[in-house]
Amino acid sequence: MSGATNPFMSAALEQARQAAARGEVPIGAVIVRDGVILAADGNRTLELNDPTAHAETLAIRTACAALESQRLPDCDLYVTLEPCPMCAAAISFARIRRLYYGAPDPKGGAVESGVRFYSQPTCHHAPEVYEGIAATTAADMLREFFRERR
């Protein structure tokens, strides 16, 4: 399913656009349970002066608060960029059921790139992973963001 026809990745892309409008790196994430978006956010590291305020971690925090649980085993996460090591670990610790992501991140990703967190023997939970959802749109948004800043 492409991002154009996937309403959840479309919502994540909208969060990424909002992050870019705030001057943040345009990455967006949504957490879905039973076809309903529980949490949606974009990067806020600059706004919050918090290096952990990545889209995924913010969405996980919101979903956990909404469900009053540290675990999200029946939830799916849609994010516009391959998660970094910190976010991959948070996804694992939250026991997210499925991870859908857009663009790969060869330099900073930790799912199919880099450390391949979910393939490590120390990883206690690995979500089902689906990559490349609206990858071109997500990658173009990131390229444009950084091109404007050079």
C-alpha atoms as a PDB file:
ATOM      1  CA  MET A   1       0.000   0.000   0.000  1.00  0.00           C
ATOM      2  CA  SER A   2       1.522   3.334  -0.977  1.00  0.00           C
ATOM      3  CA  GLY A   3       1.613   6.345   1.307  1.00  0.00           C
ATOM      4  CA  ALA A   4      -0.831   8.128  -0.983  1.00  0.00           C
ATOM      5  CA  THR A   5      -3.459   5.464  -0.300  1.00  0.00           C
ATOM      6  CA  ASN A   6      -2.469   4.697   3.284  1.00  0.00           C
ATOM      7  CA  PRO A   7      -4.265   7.142   5.582  1.00  0.00           C
ATOM      8  CA  PHE A   8      -1.922   6.434   8.484  1.00  0.00           C
ATOM      9  CA  MET A   9       1.265   7.159   6.542  1.00  0.00           C
ATOM     10  CA  SER A  10      -0.474  10.211   5.103  1.00  0.00           C
ATOM     11  CA  ALA A  11      -1.088  11.366   8.681  1.00  0.00           C
ATOM     12  CA  ALA A  12       2.577  10.758   9.535  1.00  0.00           C
ATOM     13  CA  LEU A  13       3.627  12.781   6.470  1.00  0.00           C
ATOM     14  CA  GLU A  14       1.383  15.617   7.638  1.00  0.00           C
ATOM     15  CA  GLN A  15       3.103  15.517  11.040  1.00  0.00           C
ATOM     16  CA  ALA A  16       6.445  15.722   9.208  1.00  0.00           C
ATOM     17  CA  ARG A  17       5.231  18.787   7.272  1.00  0.00           C
ATOM     18  CA  GLN A  18       4.185  20.428  10.536  1.00  0.00           C
ATOM     19  CA  ALA A  19       7.599  19.651  12.035  1.00  0.00           C
ATOM     20  CA  ALA A  20       9.297  21.301   9.046  1.00  0.00           C
ATOM     21  CA  ALA A  21       7.090  24.368   9.470  1.00  0.00           C
ATOM     22  CA  ARG A  22       8.393  24.608  13.060  1.00  0.00           C
ATOM     23  CA  GLY A  23      11.977  24.390  11.761  1.00  0.00           C
ATOM     24  CA  GLU A  24      12.393  20.800  12.939  1.00  0.00           C
ATOM     25  CA  VAL A  25      13.720  17.943  10.817  1.00  0.00           C
ATOM     26  CA  PRO A  26      10.571  16.756   8.987  1.00  0.00           C
ATOM     27  CA  ILE A  27       9.854  13.389  10.526  1.00  0.00           C
ATOM     28  CA  GLY A  28       6.360  12.409  11.591  1.00  0.00           C
ATOM     29  CA  ALA A  29       4.872   9.418  13.373  1.00  0.00           C
ATOM     30  CA  VAL A  30       1.449   8.069  14.273  1.00  0.00           C
ATOM     31  CA  ILE A  31       0.412   5.158  16.452  1.00  0.00           C
ATOM     32  CA  VAL A  32      -2.691   3.241  15.458  1.00  0.00           C
ATOM     33  CA  ARG A  33      -4.842   0.717  17.309  1.00  0.00           C
ATOM     34  CA  ASP A  34      -7.878  -0.944  15.775  1.00  0.00           C
ATOM     35  CA  GLY A  35      -7.826   1.464  12.843  1.00  0.00           C
ATOM     36  CA  VAL A  36      -7.825   4.576  15.056  1.00  0.00           C
ATOM     37  CA  ILE A  37      -4.943   7.001  15.506  1.00  0.00           C
ATOM     38  CA  LEU A  38      -4.080   7.134  19.211  1.00  0.00           C
ATOM     39  CA  ALA A  39      -1.108   9.481  18.928  1.00  0.00           C
ATOM     40  CA  ALA A  40       0.525  11.646  16.287  1.00  0.00           C
ATOM     41  CA  ASP A  41       3.537  13.919  16.456  1.00  0.00           C
ATOM     42  CA  GLY A  42       6.559  15.215  14.630  1.00  0.00           C
ATOM     43  CA  ASN A  43      10.079  15.934  15.751  1.00  0.00           C
ATOM     44  CA  ARG A  44      10.315  18.541  18.527  1.00  0.00           C
ATOM     45  CA  THR A  45      13.965  18.351  19.592  1.00  0.00           C
ATOM     46  CA  LEU A  46      14.593  22.066  19.055  1.00  0.00           C
ATOM     47  CA  GLU A  47      11.274  23.245  20.458  1.00  0.00           C
ATOM     48  CA  LEU A  48      11.623  21.186  23.646  1.00  0.00           C
ATOM     49  CA  ASN A  49      15.437  21.370  23.914  1.00  0.00           C
ATOM     50  CA  ASP A  50      15.278  17.599  24.190  1.00  0.00           C
ATOM     51  CA  PRO A  51      17.429  15.290  22.061  1.00  0.00           C
ATOM     52  CA  THR A  52      14.990  12.447  22.771  1.00  0.00           C
ATOM     53  CA  ALA A  53      11.973  14.328  21.378  1.00  0.00           C
ATOM     54  CA  HIS A  54      11.893  12.360  18.143  1.00  0.00           C
ATOM     55  CA  ALA A  55       8.516  11.843  16.479  1.00  0.00           C
ATOM     56  CA  GLU A  56       8.418   8.157  17.448  1.00  0.00           C
ATOM     57  CA  THR A  57       9.205   8.673  21.131  1.00  0.00           C
ATOM     58  CA  LEU A  58       6.689  11.496  21.454  1.00  0.00           C
ATOM     59  CA  ALA A  59       3.985   9.375  19.836  1.00  0.00           C
ATOM     60  CA  ILE A  60       4.866   6.403  22.056  1.00  0.00           C
ATOM     61  CA  ARG A  61       4.662   8.579  25.190  1.00  0.00           C
ATOM     62  CA  THR A  62       1.254   9.932  24.149  1.00  0.00           C
ATOM     63  CA  ALA A  63      -0.152   6.503  23.273  1.00  0.00           C
ATOM     64  CA  CYS A  64       1.124   4.973  26.517  1.00  0.00           C
ATOM     65  CA  ALA A  65      -0.468   7.802  28.507  1.00  0.00           C
ATOM     66  CA  ALA A  66      -3.762   7.408  26.625  1.00  0.00           C
ATOM     67  CA  LEU A  67      -3.843   3.660  27.297  1.00  0.00           C
ATOM     68  CA  GLU A  68      -2.357   3.978  30.800  1.00  0.00           C
ATOM     69  CA  SER A  69       0.195   1.309  29.939  1.00  0.00           C
ATOM     70  CA  GLN A  70       3.914   1.098  29.265  1.00  0.00           C
ATOM     71  CA  ARG A  71       3.213  -1.477  26.554  1.00  0.00           C
ATOM     72  CA  LEU A  72       1.478  -1.114  23.192  1.00  0.00           C
ATOM     73  CA  PRO A  73       1.277  -4.735  21.952  1.00  0.00           C
ATOM     74  CA  ASP A  74      -1.794  -4.238  19.782  1.00  0.00           C
ATOM     75  CA  CYS A  75      -0.582  -0.998  18.213  1.00  0.00           C
ATOM     76  CA  ASP A  76       1.159  -0.169  14.955  1.00  0.00           C
ATOM     77  CA  LEU A  77       3.573   2.696  14.364  1.00  0.00           C
ATOM     78  CA  TYR A  78       3.867   4.576  11.074  1.00  0.00           C
ATOM     79  CA  VAL A  79       6.906   6.830  10.716  1.00  0.00           C
ATOM     80  CA  THR A  80       8.292   8.686   7.733  1.00  0.00           C
ATOM     81  CA  LEU A  81      11.961   7.721   8.256  1.00  0.00           C
ATOM     82  CA  GLU A  82      13.695   4.539   9.366  1.00  0.00           C
ATOM     83  CA  PRO A  83      14.024   4.779  13.164  1.00  0.00           C
ATOM     84  CA  CYS A  84      17.355   5.559  14.804  1.00  0.00           C
ATOM     85  CA  PRO A  85      18.817   3.264  17.502  1.00  0.00           C
ATOM     86  CA  MET A  86      17.087   5.166  20.326  1.00  0.00           C
ATOM     87  CA  CYS A  87      13.694   4.996  18.644  1.00  0.00           C
ATOM     88  CA  ALA A  88      14.142   1.367  17.559  1.00  0.00           C
ATOM     89  CA  ALA A  89      14.795   0.496  21.202  1.00  0.00           C
ATOM     90  CA  ALA A  90      11.771   2.480  22.400  1.00  0.00           C
ATOM     91  CA  ILE A  91       9.590   0.677  19.828  1.00  0.00           C
ATOM     92  CA  SER A  92      10.902  -2.642  21.137  1.00  0.00           C
ATOM     93  CA  PHE A  93      10.432  -1.725  24.803  1.00  0.00           C
ATOM     94  CA  ALA A  94       6.868  -0.551  24.082  1.00  0.00           C
ATOM     95  CA  ARG A  95       6.195  -3.899  22.368  1.00  0.00           C
ATOM     96  CA  ILE A  96       4.784  -2.197  19.260  1.00  0.00           C
ATOM     97  CA  ARG A  97       3.225  -4.886  17.063  1.00  0.00           C
ATOM     98  CA  ARG A  98       4.099  -3.522  13.606  1.00  0.00           C
ATOM     99  CA  LEU A  99       6.448  -0.836  12.335  1.00  0.00           C
ATOM    100  CA  TYR A 100       5.776   0.807   8.976  1.00  0.00           C
ATOM    101  CA  TYR A 101       8.353   3.301   7.783  1.00  0.00           C
ATOM    102  CA  GLY A 102       8.963   5.412   4.732  1.00  0.00           C
ATOM    103  CA  ALA A 103      12.458   6.390   3.692  1.00  0.00           C
ATOM    104  CA  PRO A 104      15.519   4.362   4.640  1.00  0.00           C
ATOM    105  CA  ASP A 105      18.225   6.101   6.673  1.00  0.00           C
ATOM    106  CA  PRO A 106      21.582   4.545   5.747  1.00  0.00           C
ATOM    107  CA  LYS A 107      23.500   6.934   8.051  1.00  0.00           C
ATOM    108  CA  GLY A 108      21.316   6.950  11.155  1.00  0.00           C
ATOM    109  CA  GLY A 109      18.797   4.143  10.822  1.00  0.00           C
ATOM    110  CA  ALA A 110      18.832   1.070  13.029  1.00  0.00           C
ATOM    111  CA  VAL A 111      16.231  -1.242  11.515  1.00  0.00           C
ATOM    112  CA  GLU A 112      17.511  -2.304   8.095  1.00  0.00           C
ATOM    113  CA  SER A 113      20.590  -0.067   8.285  1.00  0.00           C
ATOM    114  CA  GLY A 114      23.338   0.352  10.847  1.00  0.00           C
ATOM    115  CA  VAL A 115      23.053  -1.830  13.942  1.00  0.00           C
ATOM    116  CA  ARG A 116      19.895  -3.632  12.757  1.00  0.00           C
ATOM    117  CA  PHE A 117      18.558  -3.475  16.295  1.00  0.00           C
ATOM    118  CA  TYR A 118      15.803  -6.063  15.868  1.00  0.00           C
ATOM    119  CA  SER A 119      18.287  -8.665  14.605  1.00  0.00           C
ATOM    120  CA  GLN A 120      20.448  -8.471  17.726  1.00  0.00           C
ATOM    121  CA  PRO A 121      20.293 -11.317  20.265  1.00  0.00           C
ATOM    122  CA  THR A 122      19.810  -8.739  23.033  1.00  0.00           C
ATOM    123  CA  CYS A 123      16.562  -7.480  21.476  1.00  0.00           C
ATOM    124  CA  HIS A 124      13.648  -8.826  23.520  1.00  0.00           C
ATOM    125  CA  HIS A 125      10.873  -7.828  21.100  1.00  0.00           C
ATOM    126  CA  ALA A 126      11.007  -7.197  17.375  1.00  0.00           C
ATOM    127  CA  PRO A 127       7.952  -5.748  15.637  1.00  0.00           C
ATOM    128  CA  GLU A 128       6.895  -6.871  12.202  1.00  0.00           C
ATOM    129  CA  VAL A 129       8.636  -4.386   9.897  1.00  0.00           C
ATOM    130  CA  TYR A 130       7.296  -2.978   6.629  1.00  0.00           C
ATOM    131  CA  GLU A 131       9.597  -0.548   4.858  1.00  0.00           C
ATOM    132  CA  GLY A 132       9.285   1.785   1.913  1.00  0.00           C
ATOM    133  CA  ILE A 133       5.772   3.128   2.582  1.00  0.00           C
ATOM    134  CA  ALA A 134       5.671   6.514   0.763  1.00  0.00           C
ATOM    135  CA  ALA A 135       9.476   6.415   0.756  1.00  0.00           C
ATOM    136  CA  THR A 136       9.874   8.815  -2.166  1.00  0.00           C
ATOM    137  CA  THR A 137       7.610  11.441  -0.619  1.00  0.00           C
ATOM    138  CA  ALA A 138       9.323  11.174   2.764  1.00  0.00           C
ATOM    139  CA  ALA A 139      12.822  11.298   1.260  1.00  0.00           C
ATOM    140  CA  ASP A 140      11.948  14.259  -0.968  1.00  0.00           C
ATOM    141  CA  MET A 141      10.638  16.176   2.042  1.00  0.00           C
ATOM    142  CA  LEU A 142      13.895  15.583   3.929  1.00  0.00           C
ATOM    143  CA  ARG A 143      16.071  16.506   0.929  1.00  0.00           C
ATOM    144  CA  GLU A 144      14.161  19.743   0.391  1.00  0.00           C
ATOM    145  CA  PHE A 145      14.378  20.639   4.089  1.00  0.00           C
ATOM    146  CA  PHE A 146      18.164  20.241   4.157  1.00  0.00           C
ATOM    147  CA  ARG A 147      18.646  21.866   0.724  1.00  0.00           C
ATOM    148  CA  GLU A 148      16.947  25.030   2.037  1.00  0.00           C
ATOM    149  CA  ARG A 149      19.340  25.130   4.993  1.00  0.00           C
ATOM    150  CA  ARG A 150      22.583  24.817   3.044  1.00  0.00           C
END
